[in-house]
Amino acid sequence: MLERLDERFLGRTVADGGEALRPYVHALREGQALGERWYRRPVNVPWL
């Protein structure tokens, strides 16, 4: 089941280097590495 959820997440997100979250996540501003999922954003961002 976890593999299927991972596939869904990866299929609905794209890597953006953490740009979408950078203003909101202190660790990204400091240059600290986070898990790879922090560096992805939704393909279709409904709130933009």
C-alpha atoms as a PDB file:
ATOM      1  CA  MET A   1       0.000   0.000   0.000  1.00  0.00           C
ATOM      2  CA  LEU A   2       2.818   2.416   0.815  1.00  0.00           C
ATOM      3  CA  GLU A   3       4.368   1.858  -2.599  1.00  0.00           C
ATOM      4  CA  ARG A   4       1.064   2.778  -4.255  1.00  0.00           C
ATOM      5  CA  LEU A   5       0.811   5.955  -2.175  1.00  0.00           C
ATOM      6  CA  ASP A   6       4.389   6.889  -3.072  1.00  0.00           C
ATOM      7  CA  GLU A   7       3.606   6.370  -6.758  1.00  0.00           C
ATOM      8  CA  ARG A   8       0.519   8.600  -6.496  1.00  0.00           C
ATOM      9  CA  PHE A   9       2.492  11.319  -4.738  1.00  0.00           C
ATOM     10  CA  LEU A  10       5.313  11.236  -7.281  1.00  0.00           C
ATOM     11  CA  GLY A  11       2.821  11.179 -10.164  1.00  0.00           C
ATOM     12  CA  ARG A  12       1.021  14.281  -8.919  1.00  0.00           C
ATOM     13  CA  THR A  13       4.052  16.349  -7.952  1.00  0.00           C
ATOM     14  CA  VAL A  14       7.124  17.744  -9.694  1.00  0.00           C
ATOM     15  CA  ALA A  15      10.569  18.537  -8.337  1.00  0.00           C
ATOM     16  CA  ASP A  16      11.067  22.277  -7.862  1.00  0.00           C
ATOM     17  CA  GLY A  17      14.141  22.378  -5.646  1.00  0.00           C
ATOM     18  CA  GLY A  18      12.011  23.502  -2.701  1.00  0.00           C
ATOM     19  CA  GLU A  19      11.172  26.888  -4.246  1.00  0.00           C
ATOM     20  CA  ALA A  20       7.463  26.680  -3.418  1.00  0.00           C
ATOM     21  CA  LEU A  21       8.156  26.218   0.306  1.00  0.00           C
ATOM     22  CA  ARG A  22      11.319  28.290   0.671  1.00  0.00           C
ATOM     23  CA  PRO A  23       9.529  31.391   2.069  1.00  0.00           C
ATOM     24  CA  TYR A  24       7.787  29.281   4.716  1.00  0.00           C
ATOM     25  CA  VAL A  25      10.356  26.712   5.848  1.00  0.00           C
ATOM     26  CA  HIS A  26      13.283  27.986   7.894  1.00  0.00           C
ATOM     27  CA  ALA A  27      15.503  24.996   7.062  1.00  0.00           C
ATOM     28  CA  LEU A  28      15.232  25.687   3.330  1.00  0.00           C
ATOM     29  CA  ARG A  29      16.299  29.294   3.858  1.00  0.00           C
ATOM     30  CA  GLU A  30      19.285  28.118   5.892  1.00  0.00           C
ATOM     31  CA  GLY A  31      20.293  25.626   3.189  1.00  0.00           C
ATOM     32  CA  GLN A  32      19.746  22.528   5.329  1.00  0.00           C
ATOM     33  CA  ALA A  33      18.788  19.370   3.520  1.00  0.00           C
ATOM     34  CA  LEU A  34      15.318  17.941   4.115  1.00  0.00           C
ATOM     35  CA  GLY A  35      13.676  14.780   2.808  1.00  0.00           C
ATOM     36  CA  GLU A  36      13.152  14.678  -0.947  1.00  0.00           C
ATOM     37  CA  ARG A  37       9.397  15.250  -0.647  1.00  0.00           C
ATOM     38  CA  TRP A  38      10.027  18.761   0.680  1.00  0.00           C
ATOM     39  CA  TYR A  39      11.524  19.639  -2.695  1.00  0.00           C
ATOM     40  CA  ARG A  40       8.394  18.810  -4.702  1.00  0.00           C
ATOM     41  CA  ARG A  41       5.218  20.730  -5.433  1.00  0.00           C
ATOM     42  CA  PRO A  42       1.833  19.738  -6.876  1.00  0.00           C
ATOM     43  CA  VAL A  43       1.614  19.583 -10.669  1.00  0.00           C
ATOM     44  CA  ASN A  44      -1.573  21.675 -10.549  1.00  0.00           C
ATOM     45  CA  VAL A  45      -1.445  24.227  -7.756  1.00  0.00           C
ATOM     46  CA  PRO A  46      -5.118  25.104  -7.083  1.00  0.00           C
ATOM     47  CA  TRP A  47      -4.392  28.142  -4.914  1.00  0.00           C
ATOM     48  CA  LEU A  48      -2.341  30.053  -7.524  1.00  0.00           C
END
